[in-house]
Amino acid sequence: MWFTCRKTVILCVLAFPLLTAMAADSTLILDDRSTGDLQSTHGPAWRLVTDAVMGGVSQGSLTPDTVAGRPCLRLRGAVSLDNRGGFLQAALDAGQDGTLDASGYDGVLLDVYGNDEEYNVHLRTADVWLPWQSYRASFTGAAAWRTVRIPFSAFSGYRIRAGLDTTALRRIGILAIGRVFQADLCVARVGLYRDDAGSP
């Protein structure tokens, strides 16, 4: 009996590193803001995209910051609907080689601190060709640090017929969009999660 228990303990100890690795793989962190600049943890740089690309007049900024003790990326500005505009976007390419296979994950994870306004996450994939196309979901940026998990099933295609193909994710965008308001959203972590990830 003692020998059996001893073998079980040894097997558990040997298996512990594997279990730890599996747990770590449950979340793929694309950016944890450890770079201190616009570069993301996994390589590509964040960039600000505004409705000026289509003639709009929304004004904003995207800067590294520290809010309530956490390093973050801060998207701020005034969203205007004038000239058929209406958005400010923090855009991040998903992979160094152009695409990222996200099919092993269940959704997008964000650590955010906002101003109690509604914001969007837009995904672009290999099926998205036109600038206005994307897969979209919304969340509220509460005025405190919160972890937001948005399942891929919550994203709806916008002006695109193809379903969301997560095997070829190209870009993640975090947007203030669609109405006149003052945007102020801080993002401390961006990644992909699986349902077995548990608490962050």
C-alpha atoms as a PDB file:
ATOM      1  CA  MET A   1       0.000   0.000   0.000  1.00  0.00           C
ATOM      2  CA  TRP A   2       2.801   2.440   0.917  1.00  0.00           C
ATOM      3  CA  PHE A   3       4.629   1.575  -2.302  1.00  0.00           C
ATOM      4  CA  THR A   4       1.501   2.322  -4.387  1.00  0.00           C
ATOM      5  CA  CYS A   5       1.005   5.687  -2.699  1.00  0.00           C
ATOM      6  CA  ARG A   6       4.671   6.497  -3.141  1.00  0.00           C
ATOM      7  CA  LYS A   7       4.472   5.782  -6.880  1.00  0.00           C
ATOM      8  CA  THR A   8       1.404   8.024  -7.124  1.00  0.00           C
ATOM      9  CA  VAL A   9       3.216  10.896  -5.425  1.00  0.00           C
ATOM     10  CA  ILE A  10       6.229  10.472  -7.721  1.00  0.00           C
ATOM     11  CA  LEU A  11       3.996  10.442 -10.796  1.00  0.00           C
ATOM     12  CA  CYS A  12       2.204  13.587  -9.585  1.00  0.00           C
ATOM     13  CA  VAL A  13       5.506  15.368  -9.019  1.00  0.00           C
ATOM     14  CA  LEU A  14       6.779  14.360 -12.444  1.00  0.00           C
ATOM     15  CA  ALA A  15       3.527  15.459 -14.071  1.00  0.00           C
ATOM     16  CA  PHE A  16       3.497  18.878 -12.346  1.00  0.00           C
ATOM     17  CA  PRO A  17       5.718  20.681 -14.921  1.00  0.00           C
ATOM     18  CA  LEU A  18       3.529  19.344 -17.740  1.00  0.00           C
ATOM     19  CA  LEU A  19       0.354  20.509 -16.012  1.00  0.00           C
ATOM     20  CA  THR A  20       1.913  23.924 -15.400  1.00  0.00           C
ATOM     21  CA  ALA A  21       2.857  24.231 -19.081  1.00  0.00           C
ATOM     22  CA  MET A  22      -0.647  23.229 -20.138  1.00  0.00           C
ATOM     23  CA  ALA A  23      -2.165  25.864 -17.837  1.00  0.00           C
ATOM     24  CA  ALA A  24       0.202  28.496 -19.208  1.00  0.00           C
ATOM     25  CA  ASP A  25      -0.802  27.591 -22.758  1.00  0.00           C
ATOM     26  CA  SER A  26      -4.459  28.255 -21.887  1.00  0.00           C
ATOM     27  CA  THR A  27      -3.793  31.971 -22.399  1.00  0.00           C
ATOM     28  CA  LEU A  28      -1.772  33.375 -25.263  1.00  0.00           C
ATOM     29  CA  ILE A  29      -0.609  36.872 -24.324  1.00  0.00           C
ATOM     30  CA  LEU A  30      -0.144  39.163 -27.307  1.00  0.00           C
ATOM     31  CA  ASP A  31       0.751  42.192 -25.212  1.00  0.00           C
ATOM     32  CA  ASP A  32       1.276  42.736 -21.492  1.00  0.00           C
ATOM     33  CA  ARG A  33       2.655  46.272 -21.872  1.00  0.00           C
ATOM     34  CA  SER A  34       6.092  45.273 -20.591  1.00  0.00           C
ATOM     35  CA  THR A  35       7.808  47.038 -23.507  1.00  0.00           C
ATOM     36  CA  GLY A  36       6.948  50.517 -22.252  1.00  0.00           C
ATOM     37  CA  ASP A  37       6.340  51.835 -25.786  1.00  0.00           C
ATOM     38  CA  LEU A  38       4.001  51.116 -28.688  1.00  0.00           C
ATOM     39  CA  GLN A  39       5.719  47.801 -29.419  1.00  0.00           C
ATOM     40  CA  SER A  40       3.702  44.788 -28.294  1.00  0.00           C
ATOM     41  CA  THR A  41       5.127  41.873 -26.333  1.00  0.00           C
ATOM     42  CA  HIS A  42       4.854  39.511 -29.312  1.00  0.00           C
ATOM     43  CA  GLY A  43       6.470  41.920 -31.782  1.00  0.00           C
ATOM     44  CA  PRO A  44       4.188  44.060 -33.952  1.00  0.00           C
ATOM     45  CA  ALA A  45       3.634  47.673 -32.937  1.00  0.00           C
ATOM     46  CA  TRP A  46       0.319  49.230 -32.035  1.00  0.00           C
ATOM     47  CA  ARG A  47      -0.849  52.047 -34.261  1.00  0.00           C
ATOM     48  CA  LEU A  48      -3.581  54.631 -34.156  1.00  0.00           C
ATOM     49  CA  VAL A  49      -6.101  54.529 -37.013  1.00  0.00           C
ATOM     50  CA  THR A  50      -8.784  57.227 -37.193  1.00  0.00           C
ATOM     51  CA  ASP A  51     -11.684  58.008 -39.465  1.00  0.00           C
ATOM     52  CA  ALA A  52      -9.433  60.516 -41.238  1.00  0.00           C
ATOM     53  CA  VAL A  53      -8.690  57.650 -43.657  1.00  0.00           C
ATOM     54  CA  MET A  54     -12.248  58.113 -44.958  1.00  0.00           C
ATOM     55  CA  GLY A  55     -12.560  61.873 -44.514  1.00  0.00           C
ATOM     56  CA  GLY A  56     -13.734  61.931 -40.897  1.00  0.00           C
ATOM     57  CA  VAL A  57     -12.621  64.444 -38.285  1.00  0.00           C
ATOM     58  CA  SER A  58     -12.364  62.408 -35.060  1.00  0.00           C
ATOM     59  CA  GLN A  59      -9.267  63.384 -33.095  1.00  0.00           C
ATOM     60  CA  GLY A  60      -7.373  61.049 -30.808  1.00  0.00           C
ATOM     61  CA  SER A  61      -4.094  59.752 -29.444  1.00  0.00           C
ATOM     62  CA  LEU A  62      -2.567  56.396 -28.564  1.00  0.00           C
ATOM     63  CA  THR A  63       0.175  56.541 -25.943  1.00  0.00           C
ATOM     64  CA  PRO A  64       1.902  54.403 -23.316  1.00  0.00           C
ATOM     65  CA  ASP A  65       0.711  55.370 -19.834  1.00  0.00           C
ATOM     66  CA  THR A  66       0.377  54.139 -16.262  1.00  0.00           C
ATOM     67  CA  VAL A  67      -3.111  54.155 -14.743  1.00  0.00           C
ATOM     68  CA  ALA A  68      -3.965  53.022 -11.217  1.00  0.00           C
ATOM     69  CA  GLY A  69      -0.530  51.425 -10.935  1.00  0.00           C
ATOM     70  CA  ARG A  70      -0.589  49.433 -14.176  1.00  0.00           C
ATOM     71  CA  PRO A  71       1.371  50.120 -17.367  1.00  0.00           C
ATOM     72  CA  CYS A  72      -1.080  50.373 -20.234  1.00  0.00           C
ATOM     73  CA  LEU A  73      -1.824  51.629 -23.692  1.00  0.00           C
ATOM     74  CA  ARG A  74      -4.207  54.586 -23.582  1.00  0.00           C
ATOM     75  CA  LEU A  75      -6.659  55.447 -26.357  1.00  0.00           C
ATOM     76  CA  ARG A  76      -8.106  58.931 -25.888  1.00  0.00           C
ATOM     77  CA  GLY A  77      -9.950  61.434 -27.994  1.00  0.00           C
ATOM     78  CA  ALA A  78     -13.170  62.856 -29.358  1.00  0.00           C
ATOM     79  CA  VAL A  79     -15.263  60.687 -31.646  1.00  0.00           C
ATOM     80  CA  SER A  80     -17.185  62.716 -34.226  1.00  0.00           C
ATOM     81  CA  LEU A  81     -19.745  61.614 -36.809  1.00  0.00           C
ATOM     82  CA  ASP A  82     -19.031  64.589 -39.058  1.00  0.00           C
ATOM     83  CA  ASN A  83     -18.037  63.900 -42.671  1.00  0.00           C
ATOM     84  CA  ARG A  84     -19.362  60.333 -42.346  1.00  0.00           C
ATOM     85  CA  GLY A  85     -16.674  59.452 -39.818  1.00  0.00           C
ATOM     86  CA  GLY A  86     -16.997  58.050 -36.344  1.00  0.00           C
ATOM     87  CA  PHE A  87     -14.091  56.046 -34.921  1.00  0.00           C
ATOM     88  CA  LEU A  88     -10.717  55.924 -33.191  1.00  0.00           C
ATOM     89  CA  GLN A  89      -8.853  52.615 -33.272  1.00  0.00           C
ATOM     90  CA  ALA A  90      -5.865  51.035 -31.566  1.00  0.00           C
ATOM     91  CA  ALA A  91      -4.802  48.398 -34.112  1.00  0.00           C
ATOM     92  CA  LEU A  92      -2.437  45.468 -33.594  1.00  0.00           C
ATOM     93  CA  ASP A  93      -1.350  42.973 -36.239  1.00  0.00           C
ATOM     94  CA  ALA A  94      -1.948  39.492 -34.880  1.00  0.00           C
ATOM     95  CA  GLY A  95       1.194  37.789 -36.176  1.00  0.00           C
ATOM     96  CA  GLN A  96       4.694  38.617 -37.329  1.00  0.00           C
ATOM     97  CA  ASP A  97       4.199  36.702 -40.581  1.00  0.00           C
ATOM     98  CA  GLY A  98       0.791  38.236 -41.300  1.00  0.00           C
ATOM     99  CA  THR A  99      -1.572  35.732 -39.662  1.00  0.00           C
ATOM    100  CA  LEU A 100      -2.067  33.938 -36.367  1.00  0.00           C
ATOM    101  CA  ASP A 101      -3.833  30.604 -35.930  1.00  0.00           C
ATOM    102  CA  ALA A 102      -6.204  31.284 -33.029  1.00  0.00           C
ATOM    103  CA  SER A 103      -8.323  28.174 -33.552  1.00  0.00           C
ATOM    104  CA  GLY A 104      -7.027  26.594 -30.343  1.00  0.00           C
ATOM    105  CA  TYR A 105      -8.563  29.394 -28.279  1.00  0.00           C
ATOM    106  CA  ASP A 106     -12.104  30.433 -27.395  1.00  0.00           C
ATOM    107  CA  GLY A 107     -11.962  34.213 -27.467  1.00  0.00           C
ATOM    108  CA  VAL A 108     -10.227  37.512 -26.818  1.00  0.00           C
ATOM    109  CA  LEU A 109      -9.035  38.563 -23.373  1.00  0.00           C
ATOM    110  CA  LEU A 110      -8.511  42.202 -22.346  1.00  0.00           C
ATOM    111  CA  ASP A 111      -7.510  43.925 -19.111  1.00  0.00           C
ATOM    112  CA  VAL A 112      -9.093  47.368 -19.424  1.00  0.00           C
ATOM    113  CA  TYR A 113      -9.785  50.532 -17.450  1.00  0.00           C
ATOM    114  CA  GLY A 114     -12.223  52.934 -19.065  1.00  0.00           C
ATOM    115  CA  ASN A 115     -14.715  55.705 -18.461  1.00  0.00           C
ATOM    116  CA  ASP A 116     -17.891  53.590 -18.306  1.00  0.00           C
ATOM    117  CA  GLU A 117     -18.422  53.873 -22.060  1.00  0.00           C
ATOM    118  CA  GLU A 118     -19.016  51.099 -24.587  1.00  0.00           C
ATOM    119  CA  TYR A 119     -16.113  50.109 -26.842  1.00  0.00           C
ATOM    120  CA  ASN A 120     -15.618  47.565 -29.614  1.00  0.00           C
ATOM    121  CA  VAL A 121     -13.174  44.838 -30.530  1.00  0.00           C
ATOM    122  CA  HIS A 122     -12.830  44.243 -34.275  1.00  0.00           C
ATOM    123  CA  LEU A 123     -11.116  41.212 -35.782  1.00  0.00           C
ATOM    124  CA  ARG A 124      -9.752  40.987 -39.300  1.00  0.00           C
ATOM    125  CA  THR A 125      -8.948  37.647 -40.918  1.00  0.00           C
ATOM    126  CA  ALA A 126      -7.738  36.364 -44.269  1.00  0.00           C
ATOM    127  CA  ASP A 127     -11.374  36.621 -45.471  1.00  0.00           C
ATOM    128  CA  VAL A 128     -11.468  40.383 -44.867  1.00  0.00           C
ATOM    129  CA  TRP A 129     -10.439  42.404 -47.916  1.00  0.00           C
ATOM    130  CA  LEU A 130     -12.269  45.732 -47.703  1.00  0.00           C
ATOM    131  CA  PRO A 131     -11.416  48.439 -45.122  1.00  0.00           C
ATOM    132  CA  TRP A 132     -14.926  48.576 -43.661  1.00  0.00           C
ATOM    133  CA  GLN A 133     -15.268  44.806 -43.167  1.00  0.00           C
ATOM    134  CA  SER A 134     -14.569  43.145 -39.812  1.00  0.00           C
ATOM    135  CA  TYR A 135     -15.967  40.861 -37.121  1.00  0.00           C
ATOM    136  CA  ARG A 136     -17.270  42.938 -34.230  1.00  0.00           C
ATOM    137  CA  ALA A 137     -18.172  42.653 -30.567  1.00  0.00           C
ATOM    138  CA  SER A 138     -18.745  45.235 -27.834  1.00  0.00           C
ATOM    139  CA  PHE A 139     -17.751  45.595 -24.185  1.00  0.00           C
ATOM    140  CA  THR A 140     -18.037  48.210 -21.453  1.00  0.00           C
ATOM    141  CA  GLY A 141     -14.857  49.867 -20.242  1.00  0.00           C
ATOM    142  CA  ALA A 142     -15.643  50.183 -16.535  1.00  0.00           C
ATOM    143  CA  ALA A 143     -13.928  52.882 -14.463  1.00  0.00           C
ATOM    144  CA  ALA A 144     -11.725  50.302 -12.725  1.00  0.00           C
ATOM    145  CA  TRP A 145      -9.378  47.565 -13.869  1.00  0.00           C
ATOM    146  CA  ARG A 146     -11.395  44.623 -15.180  1.00  0.00           C
ATOM    147  CA  THR A 147     -10.628  41.498 -17.195  1.00  0.00           C
ATOM    148  CA  VAL A 148     -12.985  41.187 -20.150  1.00  0.00           C
ATOM    149  CA  ARG A 149     -13.376  37.901 -22.013  1.00  0.00           C
ATOM    150  CA  ILE A 150     -15.187  38.035 -25.338  1.00  0.00           C
ATOM    151  CA  PRO A 151     -15.862  34.610 -26.899  1.00  0.00           C
ATOM    152  CA  PHE A 152     -15.342  34.279 -30.630  1.00  0.00           C
ATOM    153  CA  SER A 153     -19.000  33.235 -30.841  1.00  0.00           C
ATOM    154  CA  ALA A 154     -19.991  36.777 -29.788  1.00  0.00           C
ATOM    155  CA  PHE A 155     -18.380  38.375 -32.866  1.00  0.00           C
ATOM    156  CA  SER A 156     -20.652  39.255 -35.765  1.00  0.00           C
ATOM    157  CA  GLY A 157     -19.533  39.827 -39.330  1.00  0.00           C
ATOM    158  CA  TYR A 158     -19.929  43.394 -40.571  1.00  0.00           C
ATOM    159  CA  ARG A 159     -20.550  43.703 -44.324  1.00  0.00           C
ATOM    160  CA  ILE A 160     -19.028  40.285 -44.891  1.00  0.00           C
ATOM    161  CA  ARG A 161     -20.726  36.976 -45.639  1.00  0.00           C
ATOM    162  CA  ALA A 162     -17.977  34.599 -44.557  1.00  0.00           C
ATOM    163  CA  GLY A 163     -18.084  33.263 -41.023  1.00  0.00           C
ATOM    164  CA  LEU A 164     -15.290  34.039 -38.592  1.00  0.00           C
ATOM    165  CA  ASP A 165     -12.295  31.819 -39.429  1.00  0.00           C
ATOM    166  CA  THR A 166      -9.948  31.960 -36.451  1.00  0.00           C
ATOM    167  CA  THR A 167      -7.247  29.944 -38.202  1.00  0.00           C
ATOM    168  CA  ALA A 168      -6.097  33.103 -40.010  1.00  0.00           C
ATOM    169  CA  LEU A 169      -6.419  36.040 -37.617  1.00  0.00           C
ATOM    170  CA  ARG A 170      -4.672  39.116 -39.027  1.00  0.00           C
ATOM    171  CA  ARG A 171      -5.535  42.066 -36.803  1.00  0.00           C
ATOM    172  CA  ILE A 172      -7.141  42.948 -33.496  1.00  0.00           C
ATOM    173  CA  GLY A 173      -8.593  46.432 -33.197  1.00  0.00           C
ATOM    174  CA  ILE A 174      -9.890  48.152 -30.056  1.00  0.00           C
ATOM    175  CA  LEU A 175     -12.232  50.967 -31.022  1.00  0.00           C
ATOM    176  CA  ALA A 176     -14.249  53.906 -29.844  1.00  0.00           C
ATOM    177  CA  ILE A 177     -16.880  53.936 -32.574  1.00  0.00           C
ATOM    178  CA  GLY A 178     -20.333  54.814 -33.778  1.00  0.00           C
ATOM    179  CA  ARG A 179     -21.442  57.799 -31.709  1.00  0.00           C
ATOM    180  CA  VAL A 180     -20.270  61.182 -30.466  1.00  0.00           C
ATOM    181  CA  PHE A 181     -18.402  60.773 -27.171  1.00  0.00           C
ATOM    182  CA  GLN A 182     -15.102  61.278 -25.383  1.00  0.00           C
ATOM    183  CA  ALA A 183     -13.039  58.090 -25.472  1.00  0.00           C
ATOM    184  CA  ASP A 184     -10.640  57.223 -22.676  1.00  0.00           C
ATOM    185  CA  LEU A 185      -9.681  53.555 -22.516  1.00  0.00           C
ATOM    186  CA  CYS A 186      -6.561  51.973 -21.027  1.00  0.00           C
ATOM    187  CA  VAL A 187      -5.480  48.469 -22.031  1.00  0.00           C
ATOM    188  CA  ALA A 188      -2.959  46.610 -19.859  1.00  0.00           C
ATOM    189  CA  ARG A 189      -3.179  43.135 -21.396  1.00  0.00           C
ATOM    190  CA  VAL A 190      -4.396  41.649 -24.671  1.00  0.00           C
ATOM    191  CA  GLY A 191      -4.492  37.970 -25.452  1.00  0.00           C
ATOM    192  CA  LEU A 192      -6.450  34.895 -26.418  1.00  0.00           C
ATOM    193  CA  TYR A 193      -7.982  32.541 -23.881  1.00  0.00           C
ATOM    194  CA  ARG A 194      -9.347  29.041 -23.635  1.00  0.00           C
ATOM    195  CA  ASP A 195     -12.258  28.199 -21.356  1.00  0.00           C
ATOM    196  CA  ASP A 196      -9.968  26.054 -19.222  1.00  0.00           C
ATOM    197  CA  ALA A 197      -7.811  29.096 -18.433  1.00  0.00           C
ATOM    198  CA  GLY A 198      -9.456  29.846 -15.081  1.00  0.00           C
ATOM    199  CA  SER A 199      -8.763  33.121 -13.305  1.00  0.00           C
ATOM    200  CA  PRO A 200      -6.090  35.437 -14.750  1.00  0.00           C
END
